Amino acid sequence: MSRTIRMDAVLVQAVIAGALSFSHLHDLAEAAGQDGWKAWAYPISVDLLLVAAWRRMRATAGNRPAWVWFVIALTASLGANIATAGMLNLGNTPAWLRILVAGWPALAFLGGTLLAHTPAPTPAEPEPATAAPLPAPEPETVPDVTVERIPEPAPELTPAPAPDSAPASVAVSGPAVAVPPALLDHARKVAHTHHATTGNHIDTETLRARLGVPAPLADAITAQLA
């Protein structure tokens, strides 16, 4: 199975830039007295430190040590490019440049070790979100309602039980209270709001306090809302 290699302009540019930088670092190290395999090892050391710092910056945002070592490696690469462009006489290398080239291996080893073994900062745990307090219910205005009570009927006398029969239980029912439709609709709204706010059904005392009605009328409204 054949594979097609897609040429990318950025990839070609990166290869050319890397090759030129590698060559300039080699020439600078050789001019500073590092001959043979040592001159070839200097470009590898600079590029490895540059790549390690770049990868650490991508893994951890805002990593200052990675930025510092990235700038150091980039300065070494740019310095070699500028020095080999005729800014310095490579036939008579100054002493300070020889010192920098000779001390680079220890500096690169220190940077690579710190980048490889420094633990990444752990992200801070998000604080638990506190539930916002529920807004206090607005006081509801109760419309003026005229309550009409039905006159209580006269109690009926039950006949006395026969001597031989057992006494029968008599159920006494309280007088019926008429609830106006407007008051009943308003009571339903109050009960619905109470249930939506607290999750519980409204009781008779709370309904009576909200509506401001007598206890018998509150009981009648509660019975019709059930």
C-alpha atoms as a PDB file:
ATOM      1  CA  MET A   1       0.000   0.000   0.000  1.00  0.00           C
ATOM      2  CA  SER A   2       1.532   3.297  -1.095  1.00  0.00           C
ATOM      3  CA  ARG A   3       1.473   6.377   1.104  1.00  0.00           C
ATOM      4  CA  THR A   4       1.425   9.876  -0.276  1.00  0.00           C
ATOM      5  CA  ILE A   5       3.487  12.463   1.586  1.00  0.00           C
ATOM      6  CA  ARG A   6       1.780  15.822   1.662  1.00  0.00           C
ATOM      7  CA  MET A   7       4.292  18.626   1.446  1.00  0.00           C
ATOM      8  CA  ASP A   8       3.533  21.512   3.755  1.00  0.00           C
ATOM      9  CA  ALA A   9       5.143  24.931   3.363  1.00  0.00           C
ATOM     10  CA  VAL A  10       5.489  25.305   7.141  1.00  0.00           C
ATOM     11  CA  LEU A  11       7.187  21.887   7.419  1.00  0.00           C
ATOM     12  CA  VAL A  12       9.662  22.723   4.637  1.00  0.00           C
ATOM     13  CA  GLN A  13      10.421  26.068   6.270  1.00  0.00           C
ATOM     14  CA  ALA A  14      10.997  24.368   9.647  1.00  0.00           C
ATOM     15  CA  VAL A  15      13.428  21.863   8.094  1.00  0.00           C
ATOM     16  CA  ILE A  16      15.399  24.622   6.357  1.00  0.00           C
ATOM     17  CA  ALA A  17      15.533  26.793   9.494  1.00  0.00           C
ATOM     18  CA  GLY A  18      16.599  23.850  11.656  1.00  0.00           C
ATOM     19  CA  ALA A  19      19.345  22.836   9.249  1.00  0.00           C
ATOM     20  CA  LEU A  20      20.769  26.360   9.017  1.00  0.00           C
ATOM     21  CA  SER A  21      20.640  26.875  12.796  1.00  0.00           C
ATOM     22  CA  PHE A  22      22.297  23.485  13.334  1.00  0.00           C
ATOM     23  CA  SER A  23      25.086  24.412  10.919  1.00  0.00           C
ATOM     24  CA  HIS A  24      25.673  27.809  12.538  1.00  0.00           C
ATOM     25  CA  LEU A  25      25.882  26.308  16.023  1.00  0.00           C
ATOM     26  CA  HIS A  26      28.361  23.721  14.781  1.00  0.00           C
ATOM     27  CA  ASP A  27      30.542  26.357  13.149  1.00  0.00           C
ATOM     28  CA  LEU A  28      30.495  28.547  16.272  1.00  0.00           C
ATOM     29  CA  ALA A  29      31.398  25.656  18.566  1.00  0.00           C
ATOM     30  CA  GLU A  30      34.204  24.598  16.247  1.00  0.00           C
ATOM     31  CA  ALA A  31      35.543  28.168  16.112  1.00  0.00           C
ATOM     32  CA  ALA A  32      35.484  28.281  19.933  1.00  0.00           C
ATOM     33  CA  GLY A  33      37.811  25.279  20.146  1.00  0.00           C
ATOM     34  CA  GLN A  34      35.302  22.399  20.238  1.00  0.00           C
ATOM     35  CA  ASP A  35      36.421  20.126  17.430  1.00  0.00           C
ATOM     36  CA  GLY A  36      35.318  16.700  16.230  1.00  0.00           C
ATOM     37  CA  TRP A  37      32.166  15.156  17.679  1.00  0.00           C
ATOM     38  CA  LYS A  38      31.980  17.860  20.343  1.00  0.00           C
ATOM     39  CA  ALA A  39      31.195  20.519  17.756  1.00  0.00           C
ATOM     40  CA  TRP A  40      28.296  18.367  16.470  1.00  0.00           C
ATOM     41  CA  ALA A  41      26.949  17.782  19.985  1.00  0.00           C
ATOM     42  CA  TYR A  42      26.436  21.492  20.701  1.00  0.00           C
ATOM     43  CA  PRO A  43      23.621  22.041  18.154  1.00  0.00           C
ATOM     44  CA  ILE A  44      21.835  18.915  19.426  1.00  0.00           C
ATOM     45  CA  SER A  45      22.067  20.173  23.021  1.00  0.00           C
ATOM     46  CA  VAL A  46      20.620  23.582  22.139  1.00  0.00           C
ATOM     47  CA  ASP A  47      17.779  22.164  20.034  1.00  0.00           C
ATOM     48  CA  LEU A  48      16.853  19.554  22.662  1.00  0.00           C
ATOM     49  CA  LEU A  49      16.636  22.211  25.378  1.00  0.00           C
ATOM     50  CA  LEU A  50      14.521  24.367  23.059  1.00  0.00           C
ATOM     51  CA  VAL A  51      12.110  21.528  22.322  1.00  0.00           C
ATOM     52  CA  ALA A  52      11.870  20.451  25.998  1.00  0.00           C
ATOM     53  CA  ALA A  53      11.027  23.998  27.129  1.00  0.00           C
ATOM     54  CA  TRP A  54       8.451  24.379  24.343  1.00  0.00           C
ATOM     55  CA  ARG A  55       6.715  21.114  25.266  1.00  0.00           C
ATOM     56  CA  ARG A  56       6.618  22.098  28.937  1.00  0.00           C
ATOM     57  CA  MET A  57       5.048  25.449  28.034  1.00  0.00           C
ATOM     58  CA  ARG A  58       2.350  23.686  26.040  1.00  0.00           C
ATOM     59  CA  ALA A  59       1.634  21.213  28.850  1.00  0.00           C
ATOM     60  CA  THR A  60       1.385  23.860  31.592  1.00  0.00           C
ATOM     61  CA  ALA A  61       0.131  27.349  30.854  1.00  0.00           C
ATOM     62  CA  GLY A  62       1.935  30.191  32.605  1.00  0.00           C
ATOM     63  CA  ASN A  63       5.055  28.114  33.453  1.00  0.00           C
ATOM     64  CA  ARG A  64       7.753  30.747  34.047  1.00  0.00           C
ATOM     65  CA  PRO A  65      10.750  28.355  34.345  1.00  0.00           C
ATOM     66  CA  ALA A  66       9.869  26.838  30.974  1.00  0.00           C
ATOM     67  CA  TRP A  67       9.729  30.321  29.456  1.00  0.00           C
ATOM     68  CA  VAL A  68      13.131  31.189  30.962  1.00  0.00           C
ATOM     69  CA  TRP A  69      14.849  28.110  29.528  1.00  0.00           C
ATOM     70  CA  PHE A  70      13.098  28.587  26.195  1.00  0.00           C
ATOM     71  CA  VAL A  71      14.493  32.135  25.974  1.00  0.00           C
ATOM     72  CA  ILE A  72      17.981  30.905  26.975  1.00  0.00           C
ATOM     73  CA  ALA A  73      18.013  28.212  24.265  1.00  0.00           C
ATOM     74  CA  LEU A  74      16.555  30.611  21.698  1.00  0.00           C
ATOM     75  CA  THR A  75      19.239  33.197  22.578  1.00  0.00           C
ATOM     76  CA  ALA A  76      21.968  30.596  22.082  1.00  0.00           C
ATOM     77  CA  SER A  77      20.551  29.659  18.672  1.00  0.00           C
ATOM     78  CA  LEU A  78      20.065  33.263  17.530  1.00  0.00           C
ATOM     79  CA  GLY A  79      23.487  34.238  18.884  1.00  0.00           C
ATOM     80  CA  ALA A  80      25.163  31.539  16.806  1.00  0.00           C
ATOM     81  CA  ASN A  81      23.283  32.656  13.691  1.00  0.00           C
ATOM     82  CA  ILE A  82      24.339  36.288  14.198  1.00  0.00           C
ATOM     83  CA  ALA A  83      27.931  35.440  15.143  1.00  0.00           C
ATOM     84  CA  THR A  84      28.508  33.334  12.023  1.00  0.00           C
ATOM     85  CA  ALA A  85      27.043  36.051   9.799  1.00  0.00           C
ATOM     86  CA  GLY A  86      30.246  38.122  10.069  1.00  0.00           C
ATOM     87  CA  MET A  87      29.577  39.917  13.335  1.00  0.00           C
ATOM     88  CA  LEU A  88      32.533  38.137  14.983  1.00  0.00           C
ATOM     89  CA  ASN A  89      35.915  37.119  13.666  1.00  0.00           C
ATOM     90  CA  LEU A  90      35.690  33.342  13.951  1.00  0.00           C
ATOM     91  CA  GLY A  91      39.400  33.097  13.098  1.00  0.00           C
ATOM     92  CA  ASN A  92      40.192  34.934  16.329  1.00  0.00           C
ATOM     93  CA  THR A  93      37.389  33.988  18.732  1.00  0.00           C
ATOM     94  CA  PRO A  94      37.213  36.233  21.820  1.00  0.00           C
ATOM     95  CA  ALA A  95      37.758  34.705  25.242  1.00  0.00           C
ATOM     96  CA  TRP A  96      34.268  35.447  26.548  1.00  0.00           C
ATOM     97  CA  LEU A  97      32.730  33.470  23.671  1.00  0.00           C
ATOM     98  CA  ARG A  98      35.012  30.514  24.392  1.00  0.00           C
ATOM     99  CA  ILE A  99      33.865  30.646  28.049  1.00  0.00           C
ATOM    100  CA  LEU A 100      30.192  30.678  27.044  1.00  0.00           C
ATOM    101  CA  VAL A 101      30.606  27.753  24.660  1.00  0.00           C
ATOM    102  CA  ALA A 102      32.604  25.760  27.215  1.00  0.00           C
ATOM    103  CA  GLY A 103      30.005  26.366  29.956  1.00  0.00           C
ATOM    104  CA  TRP A 104      26.989  25.585  27.802  1.00  0.00           C
ATOM    105  CA  PRO A 105      26.872  21.787  28.501  1.00  0.00           C
ATOM    106  CA  ALA A 106      26.484  22.334  32.259  1.00  0.00           C
ATOM    107  CA  LEU A 107      23.841  25.019  31.705  1.00  0.00           C
ATOM    108  CA  ALA A 108      21.895  22.829  29.275  1.00  0.00           C
ATOM    109  CA  PHE A 109      22.054  19.867  31.670  1.00  0.00           C
ATOM    110  CA  LEU A 110      20.695  22.018  34.505  1.00  0.00           C
ATOM    111  CA  GLY A 111      17.834  23.314  32.374  1.00  0.00           C
ATOM    112  CA  GLY A 112      16.896  19.896  31.034  1.00  0.00           C
ATOM    113  CA  THR A 113      16.921  18.381  34.522  1.00  0.00           C
ATOM    114  CA  LEU A 114      14.702  21.124  35.956  1.00  0.00           C
ATOM    115  CA  LEU A 115      12.247  20.868  33.077  1.00  0.00           C
ATOM    116  CA  ALA A 116      12.043  17.086  33.306  1.00  0.00           C
ATOM    117  CA  HIS A 117      11.711  16.723  37.084  1.00  0.00           C
ATOM    118  CA  THR A 118       9.782  19.791  38.178  1.00  0.00           C
ATOM    119  CA  PRO A 119       6.221  18.640  39.013  1.00  0.00           C
ATOM    120  CA  ALA A 120       3.433  20.338  37.146  1.00  0.00           C
ATOM    121  CA  PRO A 121       1.244  22.560  39.350  1.00  0.00           C
ATOM    122  CA  THR A 122      -2.015  20.916  40.281  1.00  0.00           C
ATOM    123  CA  PRO A 123      -5.107  22.879  39.295  1.00  0.00           C
ATOM    124  CA  ALA A 124      -6.979  24.416  42.181  1.00  0.00           C
ATOM    125  CA  GLU A 125     -10.171  22.637  43.098  1.00  0.00           C
ATOM    126  CA  PRO A 126     -13.259  24.709  42.356  1.00  0.00           C
ATOM    127  CA  GLU A 127     -15.075  25.948  45.418  1.00  0.00           C
ATOM    128  CA  PRO A 128     -18.466  24.362  45.958  1.00  0.00           C
ATOM    129  CA  ALA A 129     -21.225  26.556  44.683  1.00  0.00           C
ATOM    130  CA  THR A 130     -23.429  27.846  47.459  1.00  0.00           C
ATOM    131  CA  ALA A 131     -27.103  27.810  46.787  1.00  0.00           C
ATOM    132  CA  ALA A 132     -28.589  31.256  46.555  1.00  0.00           C
ATOM    133  CA  PRO A 133     -31.219  31.935  49.207  1.00  0.00           C
ATOM    134  CA  LEU A 134     -34.753  31.857  47.979  1.00  0.00           C
ATOM    135  CA  PRO A 135     -36.308  35.302  47.669  1.00  0.00           C
ATOM    136  CA  ALA A 136     -38.833  36.124  50.325  1.00  0.00           C
ATOM    137  CA  PRO A 137     -42.372  35.874  49.012  1.00  0.00           C
ATOM    138  CA  GLU A 138     -43.979  39.208  48.402  1.00  0.00           C
ATOM    139  CA  PRO A 139     -46.910  40.019  50.643  1.00  0.00           C
ATOM    140  CA  GLU A 140     -50.099  39.288  48.825  1.00  0.00           C
ATOM    141  CA  THR A 141     -52.979  41.665  48.924  1.00  0.00           C
ATOM    142  CA  VAL A 142     -56.237  40.072  49.911  1.00  0.00           C
ATOM    143  CA  PRO A 143     -59.263  41.553  48.174  1.00  0.00           C
ATOM    144  CA  ASP A 144     -62.070  42.827  50.298  1.00  0.00           C
ATOM    145  CA  VAL A 145     -64.569  40.007  50.555  1.00  0.00           C
ATOM    146  CA  THR A 146     -67.896  40.214  52.276  1.00  0.00           C
ATOM    147  CA  VAL A 147     -68.602  36.931  54.033  1.00  0.00           C
ATOM    148  CA  GLU A 148     -72.225  36.044  54.487  1.00  0.00           C
ATOM    149  CA  ARG A 149     -73.020  33.424  57.059  1.00  0.00           C
ATOM    150  CA  ILE A 150     -76.017  31.186  56.667  1.00  0.00           C
ATOM    151  CA  PRO A 151     -78.262  31.382  59.717  1.00  0.00           C
ATOM    152  CA  GLU A 152     -77.853  28.374  61.894  1.00  0.00           C
ATOM    153  CA  PRO A 153     -80.853  26.066  61.771  1.00  0.00           C
ATOM    154  CA  ALA A 154     -82.629  25.227  64.978  1.00  0.00           C
ATOM    155  CA  PRO A 155     -81.419  21.963  66.477  1.00  0.00           C
ATOM    156  CA  GLU A 156     -83.747  19.050  65.915  1.00  0.00           C
ATOM    157  CA  LEU A 157     -84.823  16.999  68.900  1.00  0.00           C
ATOM    158  CA  THR A 158     -84.177  13.311  68.445  1.00  0.00           C
ATOM    159  CA  PRO A 159     -86.760  10.967  69.899  1.00  0.00           C
ATOM    160  CA  ALA A 160     -85.771   9.196  73.048  1.00  0.00           C
ATOM    161  CA  PRO A 161     -84.655   5.608  72.444  1.00  0.00           C
ATOM    162  CA  ALA A 162     -86.820   2.757  73.591  1.00  0.00           C
ATOM    163  CA  PRO A 163     -85.812   1.204  76.863  1.00  0.00           C
ATOM    164  CA  ASP A 164     -85.004  -2.162  75.268  1.00  0.00           C
ATOM    165  CA  SER A 165     -82.894  -0.782  72.346  1.00  0.00           C
ATOM    166  CA  ALA A 166     -79.241   0.331  72.608  1.00  0.00           C
ATOM    167  CA  PRO A 167     -78.537   4.067  72.439  1.00  0.00           C
ATOM    168  CA  ALA A 168     -77.815   5.095  68.852  1.00  0.00           C
ATOM    169  CA  SER A 169     -74.925   7.438  68.103  1.00  0.00           C
ATOM    170  CA  VAL A 170     -75.995  10.795  66.846  1.00  0.00           C
ATOM    171  CA  ALA A 171     -73.706  12.577  64.354  1.00  0.00           C
ATOM    172  CA  VAL A 172     -73.675  16.290  64.838  1.00  0.00           C
ATOM    173  CA  SER A 173     -72.625  18.224  61.816  1.00  0.00           C
ATOM    174  CA  GLY A 174     -71.515  21.803  62.018  1.00  0.00           C
ATOM    175  CA  PRO A 175     -73.172  24.497  59.997  1.00  0.00           C
ATOM    176  CA  ALA A 176     -72.078  24.777  56.363  1.00  0.00           C
ATOM    177  CA  VAL A 177     -70.148  27.921  55.415  1.00  0.00           C
ATOM    178  CA  ALA A 178     -70.513  29.309  51.902  1.00  0.00           C
ATOM    179  CA  VAL A 179     -67.237  30.322  50.237  1.00  0.00           C
ATOM    180  CA  PRO A 180     -67.413  33.068  47.600  1.00  0.00           C
ATOM    181  CA  PRO A 181     -65.890  31.988  44.244  1.00  0.00           C
ATOM    182  CA  ALA A 182     -63.503  34.961  44.190  1.00  0.00           C
ATOM    183  CA  LEU A 183     -62.130  34.069  47.620  1.00  0.00           C
ATOM    184  CA  LEU A 184     -61.813  30.408  46.624  1.00  0.00           C
ATOM    185  CA  ASP A 185     -59.826  31.334  43.481  1.00  0.00           C
ATOM    186  CA  HIS A 186     -57.538  33.577  45.501  1.00  0.00           C
ATOM    187  CA  ALA A 187     -57.059  30.799  48.082  1.00  0.00           C
ATOM    188  CA  ARG A 188     -56.037  28.403  45.295  1.00  0.00           C
ATOM    189  CA  LYS A 189     -53.357  30.879  44.127  1.00  0.00           C
ATOM    190  CA  VAL A 190     -52.035  31.261  47.662  1.00  0.00           C
ATOM    191  CA  ALA A 191     -51.917  27.475  48.128  1.00  0.00           C
ATOM    192  CA  HIS A 192     -50.147  27.005  44.778  1.00  0.00           C
ATOM    193  CA  THR A 193     -47.543  29.660  45.645  1.00  0.00           C
ATOM    194  CA  HIS A 194     -46.949  28.070  49.065  1.00  0.00           C
ATOM    195  CA  HIS A 195     -46.483  24.621  47.504  1.00  0.00           C
ATOM    196  CA  ALA A 196     -44.081  25.947  44.838  1.00  0.00           C
ATOM    197  CA  THR A 197     -42.010  27.778  47.465  1.00  0.00           C
ATOM    198  CA  THR A 198     -41.851  25.206  50.286  1.00  0.00           C
ATOM    199  CA  GLY A 199     -42.774  21.940  48.548  1.00  0.00           C
ATOM    200  CA  ASN A 200     -45.507  21.246  51.138  1.00  0.00           C
ATOM    201  CA  HIS A 201     -49.259  21.658  50.987  1.00  0.00           C
ATOM    202  CA  ILE A 202     -50.569  24.638  52.887  1.00  0.00           C
ATOM    203  CA  ASP A 203     -52.248  23.956  56.197  1.00  0.00           C
ATOM    204  CA  THR A 204     -55.402  25.575  57.562  1.00  0.00           C
ATOM    205  CA  GLU A 205     -53.660  27.906  60.022  1.00  0.00           C
ATOM    206  CA  THR A 206     -51.257  29.245  57.380  1.00  0.00           C
ATOM    207  CA  LEU A 207     -54.081  29.719  54.891  1.00  0.00           C
ATOM    208  CA  ARG A 208     -56.159  31.505  57.522  1.00  0.00           C
ATOM    209  CA  ALA A 209     -53.228  33.821  58.336  1.00  0.00           C
ATOM    210  CA  ARG A 210     -52.594  34.568  54.648  1.00  0.00           C
ATOM    211  CA  LEU A 211     -56.241  35.298  53.836  1.00  0.00           C
ATOM    212  CA  GLY A 212     -57.199  36.932  57.145  1.00  0.00           C
ATOM    213  CA  VAL A 213     -60.501  35.061  57.413  1.00  0.00           C
ATOM    214  CA  PRO A 214     -62.223  33.433  60.394  1.00  0.00           C
ATOM    215  CA  ALA A 215     -61.462  29.851  61.356  1.00  0.00           C
ATOM    216  CA  PRO A 216     -64.773  28.341  60.086  1.00  0.00           C
ATOM    217  CA  LEU A 217     -64.319  29.951  56.692  1.00  0.00           C
ATOM    218  CA  ALA A 218     -60.672  28.811  56.545  1.00  0.00           C
ATOM    219  CA  ASP A 219     -61.788  25.237  57.326  1.00  0.00           C
ATOM    220  CA  ALA A 220     -64.377  25.393  54.549  1.00  0.00           C
ATOM    221  CA  ILE A 221     -61.789  26.698  52.055  1.00  0.00           C
ATOM    222  CA  THR A 222     -59.296  23.987  53.071  1.00  0.00           C
ATOM    223  CA  ALA A 223     -61.941  21.308  52.591  1.00  0.00           C
ATOM    224  CA  GLN A 224     -62.677  22.542  49.046  1.00  0.00           C
ATOM    225  CA  LEU A 225     -58.972  22.813  48.164  1.00  0.00           C
ATOM    226  CA  ALA A 226     -58.241  19.226  49.283  1.00  0.00           C
END
